[in-house]
Amino acid sequence: MTDRYFTKASASNISQLFRAVSLLARTLSPIAIISALMLGALHLLYLSDPAKTRLMQASGVEHFIVLEQLSRSKAIKADIGFLGDSSCLMGIDPFLLDRRLGSVESYCTLGFVGPAGYAAMLDRMIEHHTQPEALVLAFHPAVFARNAEWDGWVNFVQNPDGNWPDLWFPFSGLSYLRTEWLSLGLFSPLPGAYGRFYGGEANFRRQIHYGKGGAIDPAILLRGEKNVGIEGVPFNPTPNSLFLTALDRLAESIRQFGPERTFLLITPVPESYDTAGYEARMHYTARSIAQRIGIGLGNIIEMPVSYPNALFSTVTHLNRMGRPQFTRDLSAALTHLQHMD
């Protein structure tokens, strides 16, 4: 009798558990299906540009700058395009030039990338038929002392996918959701003045994307900050052997693009670095670079070699006040060249 009672009780418990599980399954099934469909859609979005999500998983803001400009250089064509280091990225306002000269885009990245990296970008633009009608190469004297350790950035430009680990479903969709969407709403600030001005990395990338390839160095803009690191020893305006070798690689790409459509711009230094004889030596260096990359001396854009210290955020970056002044001067110089043509 007792055994029969426990058998019936066990059967009843199992039946109740089964009904509970069935009710729970019926309740959760729509949520599971919708979640799976959403993850599938996110996975497809991830597959549209998997390198970007993988990089955002494992890299920093400097990689994002390069990746954003690589993406733009393959998709956006302009009458005048800029390739160069961060002095160009932060020091030139493409919108201001665009209003005065026609379609202008900046594809400038970092000094670490260097001439060989810019050559790889130009080659890719030619391959995708997005090369500009005229190209301005912008170099700051600080990059003339090239370091062998920077060559990893050239490899990164040539192969942005690199060896970053691939992501598989559903982690691919979840990573895409976090890096592309949630990061826009979650505050993960950049360091220092960049964090106060831009907030997080996503906003900084958006500035480059929607700013025609330009950005702002926010130092000394906020709370009366002083320009730090301006005073210092003069630059050696003579490129080292590593920089010259990288120029030879750039010359190959310029021959394919068209030397007559390529122009050279040396970006300015703070006036405290403009010591006796600096201007003459810099003009000599500009002519040497032009000859090395195979362009005419008439394609050197004549600009002041220095601006007041108060217009700089760092030794290499103009600030928000210096950026428009330099851009207006550059616009006048480019207009003069157009009239000469």
C-alpha atoms as a PDB file:
ATOM      1  CA  MET A   1       0.000   0.000   0.000  1.00  0.00           C
ATOM      2  CA  THR A   2       2.742   2.396   0.965  1.00  0.00           C
ATOM      3  CA  ASP A   3       4.769   1.581  -2.133  1.00  0.00           C
ATOM      4  CA  ARG A   4       1.721   2.174  -4.317  1.00  0.00           C
ATOM      5  CA  TYR A   5       1.165   5.555  -2.622  1.00  0.00           C
ATOM      6  CA  PHE A   6       4.707   6.711  -3.207  1.00  0.00           C
ATOM      7  CA  THR A   7       4.571   5.533  -6.816  1.00  0.00           C
ATOM      8  CA  LYS A   8       1.424   7.615  -7.429  1.00  0.00           C
ATOM      9  CA  ALA A   9       2.971  10.611  -5.607  1.00  0.00           C
ATOM     10  CA  SER A  10       6.159  10.374  -7.679  1.00  0.00           C
ATOM     11  CA  ALA A  11       4.172  10.140 -10.903  1.00  0.00           C
ATOM     12  CA  SER A  12       2.127  13.170  -9.834  1.00  0.00           C
ATOM     13  CA  ASN A  13       5.276  15.171  -9.043  1.00  0.00           C
ATOM     14  CA  ILE A  14       6.831  14.274 -12.358  1.00  0.00           C
ATOM     15  CA  SER A  15       3.632  15.254 -14.152  1.00  0.00           C
ATOM     16  CA  GLN A  16       3.510  18.588 -12.339  1.00  0.00           C
ATOM     17  CA  LEU A  17       7.196  19.226 -13.094  1.00  0.00           C
ATOM     18  CA  PHE A  18       6.593  18.403 -16.735  1.00  0.00           C
ATOM     19  CA  ARG A  19       3.652  20.826 -16.886  1.00  0.00           C
ATOM     20  CA  ALA A  20       5.725  23.525 -15.174  1.00  0.00           C
ATOM     21  CA  VAL A  21       8.576  23.028 -17.621  1.00  0.00           C
ATOM     22  CA  SER A  22       6.128  23.092 -20.538  1.00  0.00           C
ATOM     23  CA  LEU A  23       4.575  26.347 -19.307  1.00  0.00           C
ATOM     24  CA  LEU A  24       8.017  27.858 -18.836  1.00  0.00           C
ATOM     25  CA  ALA A  25       9.109  26.713 -22.297  1.00  0.00           C
ATOM     26  CA  ARG A  26       5.976  28.160 -23.915  1.00  0.00           C
ATOM     27  CA  THR A  27       6.642  31.440 -22.099  1.00  0.00           C
ATOM     28  CA  LEU A  28      10.310  31.635 -22.921  1.00  0.00           C
ATOM     29  CA  SER A  29      10.212  30.236 -26.459  1.00  0.00           C
ATOM     30  CA  PRO A  30       9.157  33.531 -28.112  1.00  0.00           C
ATOM     31  CA  ILE A  31      11.865  35.380 -26.172  1.00  0.00           C
ATOM     32  CA  ALA A  32      14.454  32.784 -27.193  1.00  0.00           C
ATOM     33  CA  ILE A  33      13.394  32.929 -30.834  1.00  0.00           C
ATOM     34  CA  ILE A  34      13.456  36.728 -30.909  1.00  0.00           C
ATOM     35  CA  SER A  35      16.843  36.764 -29.154  1.00  0.00           C
ATOM     36  CA  ALA A  36      18.252  34.259 -31.642  1.00  0.00           C
ATOM     37  CA  LEU A  37      16.957  36.320 -34.568  1.00  0.00           C
ATOM     38  CA  MET A  38      18.454  39.487 -33.088  1.00  0.00           C
ATOM     39  CA  LEU A  39      21.803  37.791 -32.522  1.00  0.00           C
ATOM     40  CA  GLY A  40      21.658  36.484 -36.083  1.00  0.00           C
ATOM     41  CA  ALA A  41      21.044  39.999 -37.411  1.00  0.00           C
ATOM     42  CA  LEU A  42      23.892  41.355 -35.290  1.00  0.00           C
ATOM     43  CA  HIS A  43      26.133  38.580 -36.580  1.00  0.00           C
ATOM     44  CA  LEU A  44      25.360  39.644 -40.157  1.00  0.00           C
ATOM     45  CA  LEU A  45      26.218  43.251 -39.250  1.00  0.00           C
ATOM     46  CA  TYR A  46      29.444  42.009 -37.698  1.00  0.00           C
ATOM     47  CA  LEU A  47      30.299  40.131 -40.917  1.00  0.00           C
ATOM     48  CA  SER A  48      29.956  43.385 -42.914  1.00  0.00           C
ATOM     49  CA  ASP A  49      33.207  44.618 -41.310  1.00  0.00           C
ATOM     50  CA  PRO A  50      34.550  41.982 -38.907  1.00  0.00           C
ATOM     51  CA  ALA A  51      37.995  43.582 -38.635  1.00  0.00           C
ATOM     52  CA  LYS A  52      36.539  46.695 -37.048  1.00  0.00           C
ATOM     53  CA  THR A  53      34.752  44.802 -34.270  1.00  0.00           C
ATOM     54  CA  ARG A  54      37.739  42.559 -33.621  1.00  0.00           C
ATOM     55  CA  LEU A  55      40.015  45.578 -33.405  1.00  0.00           C
ATOM     56  CA  MET A  56      37.691  47.362 -31.026  1.00  0.00           C
ATOM     57  CA  GLN A  57      37.881  44.306 -28.825  1.00  0.00           C
ATOM     58  CA  ALA A  58      41.649  44.398 -28.578  1.00  0.00           C
ATOM     59  CA  SER A  59      43.049  47.826 -29.433  1.00  0.00           C
ATOM     60  CA  GLY A  60      43.078  51.503 -28.528  1.00  0.00           C
ATOM     61  CA  VAL A  61      42.079  54.864 -29.890  1.00  0.00           C
ATOM     62  CA  GLU A  62      45.150  55.219 -32.147  1.00  0.00           C
ATOM     63  CA  HIS A  63      44.146  52.043 -33.994  1.00  0.00           C
ATOM     64  CA  PHE A  64      40.612  53.420 -34.339  1.00  0.00           C
ATOM     65  CA  ILE A  65      41.945  56.588 -35.965  1.00  0.00           C
ATOM     66  CA  VAL A  66      43.844  54.592 -38.571  1.00  0.00           C
ATOM     67  CA  LEU A  67      40.988  52.163 -39.141  1.00  0.00           C
ATOM     68  CA  GLU A  68      38.452  54.979 -39.560  1.00  0.00           C
ATOM     69  CA  GLN A  69      40.649  56.756 -42.100  1.00  0.00           C
ATOM     70  CA  LEU A  70      41.320  53.520 -43.969  1.00  0.00           C
ATOM     71  CA  SER A  71      37.590  52.974 -44.233  1.00  0.00           C
ATOM     72  CA  ARG A  72      36.976  56.540 -45.406  1.00  0.00           C
ATOM     73  CA  SER A  73      39.804  56.449 -47.943  1.00  0.00           C
ATOM     74  CA  LYS A  74      38.204  53.435 -49.663  1.00  0.00           C
ATOM     75  CA  ALA A  75      34.748  55.004 -49.812  1.00  0.00           C
ATOM     76  CA  ILE A  76      35.020  58.797 -50.153  1.00  0.00           C
ATOM     77  CA  LYS A  77      36.486  60.552 -53.186  1.00  0.00           C
ATOM     78  CA  ALA A  78      37.454  64.231 -53.154  1.00  0.00           C
ATOM     79  CA  ASP A  79      38.891  66.950 -55.371  1.00  0.00           C
ATOM     80  CA  ILE A  80      41.667  67.534 -52.823  1.00  0.00           C
ATOM     81  CA  GLY A  81      42.782  64.852 -50.393  1.00  0.00           C
ATOM     82  CA  PHE A  82      45.260  65.035 -47.517  1.00  0.00           C
ATOM     83  CA  LEU A  83      47.527  62.226 -46.361  1.00  0.00           C
ATOM     84  CA  GLY A  84      49.844  62.694 -43.432  1.00  0.00           C
ATOM     85  CA  ASP A  85      50.400  62.593 -39.699  1.00  0.00           C
ATOM     86  CA  SER A  86      48.358  63.806 -36.735  1.00  0.00           C
ATOM     87  CA  SER A  87      49.487  67.419 -37.193  1.00  0.00           C
ATOM     88  CA  CYS A  88      47.319  67.294 -40.319  1.00  0.00           C
ATOM     89  CA  LEU A  89      44.509  65.353 -38.601  1.00  0.00           C
ATOM     90  CA  MET A  90      44.307  67.925 -35.783  1.00  0.00           C
ATOM     91  CA  GLY A  91      45.577  71.052 -37.527  1.00  0.00           C
ATOM     92  CA  ILE A  92      43.511  71.308 -40.717  1.00  0.00           C
ATOM     93  CA  ASP A  93      39.773  71.971 -40.912  1.00  0.00           C
ATOM     94  CA  PRO A  94      38.502  70.166 -44.048  1.00  0.00           C
ATOM     95  CA  PHE A  95      35.114  71.896 -43.796  1.00  0.00           C
ATOM     96  CA  LEU A  96      36.718  75.336 -44.033  1.00  0.00           C
ATOM     97  CA  LEU A  97      38.791  74.283 -47.037  1.00  0.00           C
ATOM     98  CA  ASP A  98      35.776  72.567 -48.583  1.00  0.00           C
ATOM     99  CA  ARG A  99      33.817  75.820 -48.625  1.00  0.00           C
ATOM    100  CA  ARG A 100      36.651  77.639 -50.364  1.00  0.00           C
ATOM    101  CA  LEU A 101      38.280  75.104 -52.666  1.00  0.00           C
ATOM    102  CA  GLY A 102      35.683  72.468 -53.537  1.00  0.00           C
ATOM    103  CA  SER A 103      35.455  68.923 -52.243  1.00  0.00           C
ATOM    104  CA  VAL A 104      38.165  68.361 -49.601  1.00  0.00           C
ATOM    105  CA  GLU A 105      38.750  65.285 -47.428  1.00  0.00           C
ATOM    106  CA  SER A 106      41.459  64.462 -44.905  1.00  0.00           C
ATOM    107  CA  TYR A 107      42.730  60.903 -44.602  1.00  0.00           C
ATOM    108  CA  CYS A 108      45.497  61.873 -42.181  1.00  0.00           C
ATOM    109  CA  THR A 109      46.384  59.453 -39.414  1.00  0.00           C
ATOM    110  CA  LEU A 110      49.525  59.258 -37.243  1.00  0.00           C
ATOM    111  CA  GLY A 111      53.203  60.038 -37.560  1.00  0.00           C
ATOM    112  CA  PHE A 112      53.893  56.410 -36.664  1.00  0.00           C
ATOM    113  CA  VAL A 113      52.325  55.321 -39.961  1.00  0.00           C
ATOM    114  CA  GLY A 114      54.866  57.328 -41.935  1.00  0.00           C
ATOM    115  CA  PRO A 115      55.467  57.673 -45.681  1.00  0.00           C
ATOM    116  CA  ALA A 116      55.387  53.923 -46.365  1.00  0.00           C
ATOM    117  CA  GLY A 117      52.022  53.643 -44.606  1.00  0.00           C
ATOM    118  CA  TYR A 118      50.660  56.611 -46.537  1.00  0.00           C
ATOM    119  CA  ALA A 119      51.865  54.892 -49.716  1.00  0.00           C
ATOM    120  CA  ALA A 120      49.866  51.792 -48.787  1.00  0.00           C
ATOM    121  CA  MET A 121      46.790  53.963 -48.227  1.00  0.00           C
ATOM    122  CA  LEU A 122      47.267  55.684 -51.588  1.00  0.00           C
ATOM    123  CA  ASP A 123      47.680  52.322 -53.323  1.00  0.00           C
ATOM    124  CA  ARG A 124      44.409  51.170 -51.804  1.00  0.00           C
ATOM    125  CA  MET A 125      42.651  54.350 -52.920  1.00  0.00           C
ATOM    126  CA  ILE A 126      43.896  53.829 -56.467  1.00  0.00           C
ATOM    127  CA  GLU A 127      42.711  50.229 -56.319  1.00  0.00           C
ATOM    128  CA  HIS A 128      39.224  51.331 -55.206  1.00  0.00           C
ATOM    129  CA  HIS A 129      39.178  54.332 -57.629  1.00  0.00           C
ATOM    130  CA  THR A 130      38.738  56.778 -54.734  1.00  0.00           C
ATOM    131  CA  GLN A 131      42.001  58.677 -55.190  1.00  0.00           C
ATOM    132  CA  PRO A 132      41.543  62.477 -55.145  1.00  0.00           C
ATOM    133  CA  GLU A 133      42.176  64.730 -58.094  1.00  0.00           C
ATOM    134  CA  ALA A 134      45.013  66.372 -56.148  1.00  0.00           C
ATOM    135  CA  LEU A 135      46.916  64.978 -53.165  1.00  0.00           C
ATOM    136  CA  VAL A 136      48.580  66.958 -50.372  1.00  0.00           C
ATOM    137  CA  LEU A 137      51.181  65.103 -48.306  1.00  0.00           C
ATOM    138  CA  ALA A 138      51.540  66.696 -44.869  1.00  0.00           C
ATOM    139  CA  PHE A 139      54.567  66.036 -42.630  1.00  0.00           C
ATOM    140  CA  HIS A 140      55.495  67.514 -39.271  1.00  0.00           C
ATOM    141  CA  PRO A 141      59.255  67.834 -38.607  1.00  0.00           C
ATOM    142  CA  ALA A 142      58.853  65.687 -35.491  1.00  0.00           C
ATOM    143  CA  VAL A 143      58.336  62.596 -37.675  1.00  0.00           C
ATOM    144  CA  PHE A 144      61.618  63.064 -39.560  1.00  0.00           C
ATOM    145  CA  ALA A 145      63.365  61.153 -36.753  1.00  0.00           C
ATOM    146  CA  ARG A 146      61.648  57.887 -37.630  1.00  0.00           C
ATOM    147  CA  ASN A 147      61.963  54.917 -35.278  1.00  0.00           C
ATOM    148  CA  ALA A 148      62.167  51.309 -36.465  1.00  0.00           C
ATOM    149  CA  GLU A 149      59.631  50.327 -33.819  1.00  0.00           C
ATOM    150  CA  TRP A 150      56.972  52.298 -35.716  1.00  0.00           C
ATOM    151  CA  ASP A 151      57.071  49.890 -38.674  1.00  0.00           C
ATOM    152  CA  GLY A 152      54.355  47.810 -37.042  1.00  0.00           C
ATOM    153  CA  TRP A 153      51.948  50.581 -38.011  1.00  0.00           C
ATOM    154  CA  VAL A 154      52.874  50.148 -41.671  1.00  0.00           C
ATOM    155  CA  ASN A 155      52.003  46.460 -41.361  1.00  0.00           C
ATOM    156  CA  PHE A 156      48.740  47.420 -39.698  1.00  0.00           C
ATOM    157  CA  VAL A 157      47.777  49.684 -42.611  1.00  0.00           C
ATOM    158  CA  GLN A 158      48.663  46.965 -45.107  1.00  0.00           C
ATOM    159  CA  ASN A 159      46.752  44.305 -43.202  1.00  0.00           C
ATOM    160  CA  PRO A 160      44.293  45.834 -40.715  1.00  0.00           C
ATOM    161  CA  ASP A 161      42.766  42.403 -40.031  1.00  0.00           C
ATOM    162  CA  GLY A 162      46.141  41.381 -38.649  1.00  0.00           C
ATOM    163  CA  ASN A 163      46.167  38.437 -36.275  1.00  0.00           C
ATOM    164  CA  TRP A 164      43.214  39.580 -34.224  1.00  0.00           C
ATOM    165  CA  PRO A 165      41.190  36.533 -33.127  1.00  0.00           C
ATOM    166  CA  ASP A 166      38.029  35.857 -35.094  1.00  0.00           C
ATOM    167  CA  LEU A 167      34.677  35.958 -33.302  1.00  0.00           C
ATOM    168  CA  TRP A 168      32.013  33.300 -33.714  1.00  0.00           C
ATOM    169  CA  PHE A 169      28.264  33.303 -33.256  1.00  0.00           C
ATOM    170  CA  PRO A 170      26.802  34.363 -30.844  1.00  0.00           C
ATOM    171  CA  PHE A 171      29.845  36.179 -29.399  1.00  0.00           C
ATOM    172  CA  SER A 172      30.298  38.050 -32.673  1.00  0.00           C
ATOM    173  CA  GLY A 173      26.837  39.610 -32.399  1.00  0.00           C
ATOM    174  CA  LEU A 174      27.251  40.412 -28.715  1.00  0.00           C
ATOM    175  CA  SER A 175      30.623  42.072 -29.365  1.00  0.00           C
ATOM    176  CA  TYR A 176      29.173  44.092 -32.239  1.00  0.00           C
ATOM    177  CA  LEU A 177      26.315  45.221 -30.003  1.00  0.00           C
ATOM    178  CA  ARG A 178      28.696  46.307 -27.248  1.00  0.00           C
ATOM    179  CA  THR A 179      31.315  48.041 -29.384  1.00  0.00           C
ATOM    180  CA  GLU A 180      29.106  49.670 -32.025  1.00  0.00           C
ATOM    181  CA  TRP A 181      25.933  50.587 -30.136  1.00  0.00           C
ATOM    182  CA  LEU A 182      26.260  50.286 -26.381  1.00  0.00           C
ATOM    183  CA  SER A 183      29.571  52.143 -26.390  1.00  0.00           C
ATOM    184  CA  LEU A 184      27.738  55.198 -27.727  1.00  0.00           C
ATOM    185  CA  GLY A 185      25.543  55.305 -24.646  1.00  0.00           C
ATOM    186  CA  LEU A 186      27.989  54.052 -22.020  1.00  0.00           C
ATOM    187  CA  PHE A 187      30.479  56.618 -20.829  1.00  0.00           C
ATOM    188  CA  SER A 188      33.999  55.242 -21.109  1.00  0.00           C
ATOM    189  CA  PRO A 189      36.033  58.432 -21.188  1.00  0.00           C
ATOM    190  CA  LEU A 190      39.277  59.068 -22.979  1.00  0.00           C
ATOM    191  CA  PRO A 191      42.092  60.348 -20.779  1.00  0.00           C
ATOM    192  CA  GLY A 192      42.508  63.986 -19.771  1.00  0.00           C
ATOM    193  CA  ALA A 193      41.151  66.810 -21.910  1.00  0.00           C
ATOM    194  CA  TYR A 194      40.110  64.351 -24.625  1.00  0.00           C
ATOM    195  CA  GLY A 195      37.724  62.693 -22.199  1.00  0.00           C
ATOM    196  CA  ARG A 196      36.216  65.996 -21.124  1.00  0.00           C
ATOM    197  CA  PHE A 197      35.876  67.225 -24.711  1.00  0.00           C
ATOM    198  CA  TYR A 198      34.854  64.093 -26.631  1.00  0.00           C
ATOM    199  CA  GLY A 199      33.734  61.758 -23.883  1.00  0.00           C
ATOM    200  CA  GLY A 200      34.482  58.227 -25.095  1.00  0.00           C
ATOM    201  CA  GLU A 201      36.234  56.645 -28.036  1.00  0.00           C
ATOM    202  CA  ALA A 202      32.987  56.256 -29.984  1.00  0.00           C
ATOM    203  CA  ASN A 203      32.382  60.002 -30.030  1.00  0.00           C
ATOM    204  CA  PHE A 204      35.969  60.635 -31.082  1.00  0.00           C
ATOM    205  CA  ARG A 205      35.570  58.219 -33.990  1.00  0.00           C
ATOM    206  CA  ARG A 206      32.299  59.875 -34.960  1.00  0.00           C
ATOM    207  CA  GLN A 207      34.048  63.259 -35.038  1.00  0.00           C
ATOM    208  CA  ILE A 208      36.565  61.928 -37.558  1.00  0.00           C
ATOM    209  CA  HIS A 209      33.859  60.175 -39.586  1.00  0.00           C
ATOM    210  CA  TYR A 210      31.522  63.163 -39.841  1.00  0.00           C
ATOM    211  CA  GLY A 211      34.267  65.807 -39.720  1.00  0.00           C
ATOM    212  CA  LYS A 212      35.575  65.000 -43.221  1.00  0.00           C
ATOM    213  CA  GLY A 213      38.550  63.302 -41.608  1.00  0.00           C
ATOM    214  CA  GLY A 214      39.491  66.126 -39.246  1.00  0.00           C
ATOM    215  CA  ALA A 215      39.531  66.313 -35.449  1.00  0.00           C
ATOM    216  CA  ILE A 216      40.354  68.805 -32.706  1.00  0.00           C
ATOM    217  CA  ASP A 217      43.052  68.558 -30.058  1.00  0.00           C
ATOM    218  CA  PRO A 218      41.141  69.938 -27.060  1.00  0.00           C
ATOM    219  CA  ALA A 219      44.098  70.850 -24.846  1.00  0.00           C
ATOM    220  CA  ILE A 220      43.986  74.417 -23.394  1.00  0.00           C
ATOM    221  CA  LEU A 221      40.364  74.725 -24.491  1.00  0.00           C
ATOM    222  CA  LEU A 222      38.893  73.774 -21.150  1.00  0.00           C
ATOM    223  CA  ARG A 223      39.241  75.461 -17.758  1.00  0.00           C
ATOM    224  CA  GLY A 224      42.070  77.676 -18.895  1.00  0.00           C
ATOM    225  CA  GLU A 225      44.549  74.853 -19.368  1.00  0.00           C
ATOM    226  CA  LYS A 226      48.054  75.916 -20.294  1.00  0.00           C
ATOM    227  CA  ASN A 227      49.858  74.555 -23.322  1.00  0.00           C
ATOM    228  CA  VAL A 228      52.111  71.932 -21.833  1.00  0.00           C
ATOM    229  CA  GLY A 229      55.301  70.648 -23.423  1.00  0.00           C
ATOM    230  CA  ILE A 230      55.676  73.510 -25.901  1.00  0.00           C
ATOM    231  CA  GLU A 231      59.013  74.827 -24.714  1.00  0.00           C
ATOM    232  CA  GLY A 232      61.893  72.583 -25.682  1.00  0.00           C
ATOM    233  CA  VAL A 233      64.955  72.025 -27.771  1.00  0.00           C
ATOM    234  CA  PRO A 234      64.814  72.802 -31.505  1.00  0.00           C
ATOM    235  CA  PHE A 235      63.951  70.063 -33.971  1.00  0.00           C
ATOM    236  CA  ASN A 236      66.589  68.632 -36.210  1.00  0.00           C
ATOM    237  CA  PRO A 237      64.960  69.349 -39.592  1.00  0.00           C
ATOM    238  CA  THR A 238      67.047  66.699 -41.350  1.00  0.00           C
ATOM    239  CA  PRO A 239      65.207  63.377 -41.973  1.00  0.00           C
ATOM    240  CA  ASN A 240      67.000  60.251 -40.798  1.00  0.00           C
ATOM    241  CA  SER A 241      67.746  57.220 -42.978  1.00  0.00           C
ATOM    242  CA  LEU A 242      64.577  55.356 -41.951  1.00  0.00           C
ATOM    243  CA  PHE A 243      62.386  58.274 -43.002  1.00  0.00           C
ATOM    244  CA  LEU A 244      64.228  58.608 -46.307  1.00  0.00           C
ATOM    245  CA  THR A 245      63.794  54.887 -47.027  1.00  0.00           C
ATOM    246  CA  ALA A 246      60.075  55.229 -46.323  1.00  0.00           C
ATOM    247  CA  LEU A 247      59.977  58.173 -48.764  1.00  0.00           C
ATOM    248  CA  ASP A 248      61.351  55.889 -51.485  1.00  0.00           C
ATOM    249  CA  ARG A 249      58.375  53.583 -50.957  1.00  0.00           C
ATOM    250  CA  LEU A 250      56.038  56.589 -51.170  1.00  0.00           C
ATOM    251  CA  ALA A 251      57.697  57.719 -54.409  1.00  0.00           C
ATOM    252  CA  GLU A 252      56.618  54.456 -56.056  1.00  0.00           C
ATOM    253  CA  SER A 253      52.963  55.151 -55.290  1.00  0.00           C
ATOM    254  CA  ILE A 254      53.243  58.783 -56.386  1.00  0.00           C
ATOM    255  CA  ARG A 255      54.576  57.694 -59.773  1.00  0.00           C
ATOM    256  CA  GLN A 256      51.413  55.641 -60.221  1.00  0.00           C
ATOM    257  CA  PHE A 257      49.147  58.408 -58.895  1.00  0.00           C
ATOM    258  CA  GLY A 258      50.775  61.297 -60.764  1.00  0.00           C
ATOM    259  CA  PRO A 259      53.637  63.492 -59.486  1.00  0.00           C
ATOM    260  CA  GLU A 260      52.127  66.561 -61.134  1.00  0.00           C
ATOM    261  CA  ARG A 261      49.031  66.164 -58.937  1.00  0.00           C
ATOM    262  CA  THR A 262      50.979  65.668 -55.698  1.00  0.00           C
ATOM    263  CA  PHE A 263      51.870  68.510 -53.338  1.00  0.00           C
ATOM    264  CA  LEU A 264      54.052  68.709 -50.231  1.00  0.00           C
ATOM    265  CA  LEU A 265      53.143  70.536 -47.015  1.00  0.00           C
ATOM    266  CA  ILE A 266      55.418  70.850 -43.977  1.00  0.00           C
ATOM    267  CA  THR A 267      53.228  71.627 -40.959  1.00  0.00           C
ATOM    268  CA  PRO A 268      54.360  74.291 -38.476  1.00  0.00           C
ATOM    269  CA  VAL A 269      56.153  74.167 -35.152  1.00  0.00           C
ATOM    270  CA  PRO A 270      55.680  76.502 -32.151  1.00  0.00           C
ATOM    271  CA  GLU A 271      57.646  79.726 -32.550  1.00  0.00           C
ATOM    272  CA  SER A 272      59.924  78.795 -29.636  1.00  0.00           C
ATOM    273  CA  TYR A 273      61.290  76.006 -31.869  1.00  0.00           C
ATOM    274  CA  ASP A 274      61.915  78.435 -34.740  1.00  0.00           C
ATOM    275  CA  THR A 275      65.503  79.189 -33.808  1.00  0.00           C
ATOM    276  CA  ALA A 276      68.127  80.951 -35.890  1.00  0.00           C
ATOM    277  CA  GLY A 277      68.566  79.234 -39.234  1.00  0.00           C
ATOM    278  CA  TYR A 278      65.609  76.882 -38.735  1.00  0.00           C
ATOM    279  CA  GLU A 279      63.493  78.330 -41.542  1.00  0.00           C
ATOM    280  CA  ALA A 280      66.309  78.096 -44.104  1.00  0.00           C
ATOM    281  CA  ARG A 281      67.094  74.509 -43.104  1.00  0.00           C
ATOM    282  CA  MET A 282      63.416  73.556 -43.263  1.00  0.00           C
ATOM    283  CA  HIS A 283      63.050  74.989 -46.772  1.00  0.00           C
ATOM    284  CA  TYR A 284      66.098  72.955 -47.793  1.00  0.00           C
ATOM    285  CA  THR A 285      64.563  69.819 -46.258  1.00  0.00           C
ATOM    286  CA  ALA A 286      61.257  70.432 -48.063  1.00  0.00           C
ATOM    287  CA  ARG A 287      63.080  70.643 -51.397  1.00  0.00           C
ATOM    288  CA  SER A 288      65.015  67.463 -50.585  1.00  0.00           C
ATOM    289  CA  ILE A 289      61.793  65.588 -49.756  1.00  0.00           C
ATOM    290  CA  ALA A 290      60.109  66.841 -52.931  1.00  0.00           C
ATOM    291  CA  GLN A 291      63.003  65.603 -55.044  1.00  0.00           C
ATOM    292  CA  ARG A 292      63.064  62.273 -53.190  1.00  0.00           C
ATOM    293  CA  ILE A 293      59.378  61.552 -53.885  1.00  0.00           C
ATOM    294  CA  GLY A 294      59.637  62.813 -57.460  1.00  0.00           C
ATOM    295  CA  ILE A 295      57.525  65.980 -57.437  1.00  0.00           C
ATOM    296  CA  GLY A 296      58.458  69.409 -58.750  1.00  0.00           C
ATOM    297  CA  LEU A 297      59.710  72.142 -56.455  1.00  0.00           C
ATOM    298  CA  GLY A 298      56.746  74.213 -57.568  1.00  0.00           C
ATOM    299  CA  ASN A 299      54.499  71.670 -55.838  1.00  0.00           C
ATOM    300  CA  ILE A 300      55.826  72.620 -52.405  1.00  0.00           C
ATOM    301  CA  ILE A 301      53.136  74.580 -50.573  1.00  0.00           C
ATOM    302  CA  GLU A 302      54.762  77.687 -49.137  1.00  0.00           C
ATOM    303  CA  MET A 303      53.562  78.201 -45.564  1.00  0.00           C
ATOM    304  CA  PRO A 304      54.999  79.750 -42.386  1.00  0.00           C
ATOM    305  CA  VAL A 305      57.294  77.309 -40.624  1.00  0.00           C
ATOM    306  CA  SER A 306      56.054  78.402 -37.184  1.00  0.00           C
ATOM    307  CA  TYR A 307      53.075  79.950 -35.404  1.00  0.00           C
ATOM    308  CA  PRO A 308      52.792  81.520 -31.921  1.00  0.00           C
ATOM    309  CA  ASN A 309      53.012  79.081 -29.027  1.00  0.00           C
ATOM    310  CA  ALA A 310      49.544  80.138 -27.873  1.00  0.00           C
ATOM    311  CA  LEU A 311      48.053  78.488 -30.974  1.00  0.00           C
ATOM    312  CA  PHE A 312      49.393  75.023 -30.084  1.00  0.00           C
ATOM    313  CA  SER A 313      48.094  72.275 -27.846  1.00  0.00           C
ATOM    314  CA  THR A 314      51.295  70.250 -28.119  1.00  0.00           C
ATOM    315  CA  VAL A 315      54.508  70.538 -30.071  1.00  0.00           C
ATOM    316  CA  THR A 316      52.853  68.879 -33.072  1.00  0.00           C
ATOM    317  CA  HIS A 317      49.152  69.836 -32.733  1.00  0.00           C
ATOM    318  CA  LEU A 318      47.569  73.215 -33.265  1.00  0.00           C
ATOM    319  CA  ASN A 319      44.732  73.955 -30.880  1.00  0.00           C
ATOM    320  CA  ARG A 320      41.189  75.093 -31.598  1.00  0.00           C
ATOM    321  CA  MET A 321      42.350  78.657 -32.144  1.00  0.00           C
ATOM    322  CA  GLY A 322      45.362  77.739 -34.261  1.00  0.00           C
ATOM    323  CA  ARG A 323      43.515  75.266 -36.459  1.00  0.00           C
ATOM    324  CA  PRO A 324      41.290  77.784 -38.298  1.00  0.00           C
ATOM    325  CA  GLN A 325      44.108  80.314 -38.660  1.00  0.00           C
ATOM    326  CA  PHE A 326      46.431  77.748 -40.209  1.00  0.00           C
ATOM    327  CA  THR A 327      43.602  76.452 -42.426  1.00  0.00           C
ATOM    328  CA  ARG A 328      42.810  79.945 -43.720  1.00  0.00           C
ATOM    329  CA  ASP A 329      46.483  80.502 -44.551  1.00  0.00           C
ATOM    330  CA  LEU A 330      46.615  77.109 -46.230  1.00  0.00           C
ATOM    331  CA  SER A 331      43.486  77.916 -48.228  1.00  0.00           C
ATOM    332  CA  ALA A 332      45.118  81.069 -49.560  1.00  0.00           C
ATOM    333  CA  ALA A 333      48.258  79.131 -50.510  1.00  0.00           C
ATOM    334  CA  LEU A 334      46.284  76.424 -52.288  1.00  0.00           C
ATOM    335  CA  THR A 335      44.179  79.036 -54.100  1.00  0.00           C
ATOM    336  CA  HIS A 336      47.399  80.641 -55.314  1.00  0.00           C
ATOM    337  CA  LEU A 337      48.590  77.278 -56.654  1.00  0.00           C
ATOM    338  CA  GLN A 338      45.258  76.722 -58.412  1.00  0.00           C
ATOM    339  CA  HIS A 339      45.571  80.100 -60.138  1.00  0.00           C
ATOM    340  CA  MET A 340      49.099  79.245 -61.220  1.00  0.00           C
ATOM    341  CA  ASP A 341      47.764  76.084 -62.868  1.00  0.00           C
END
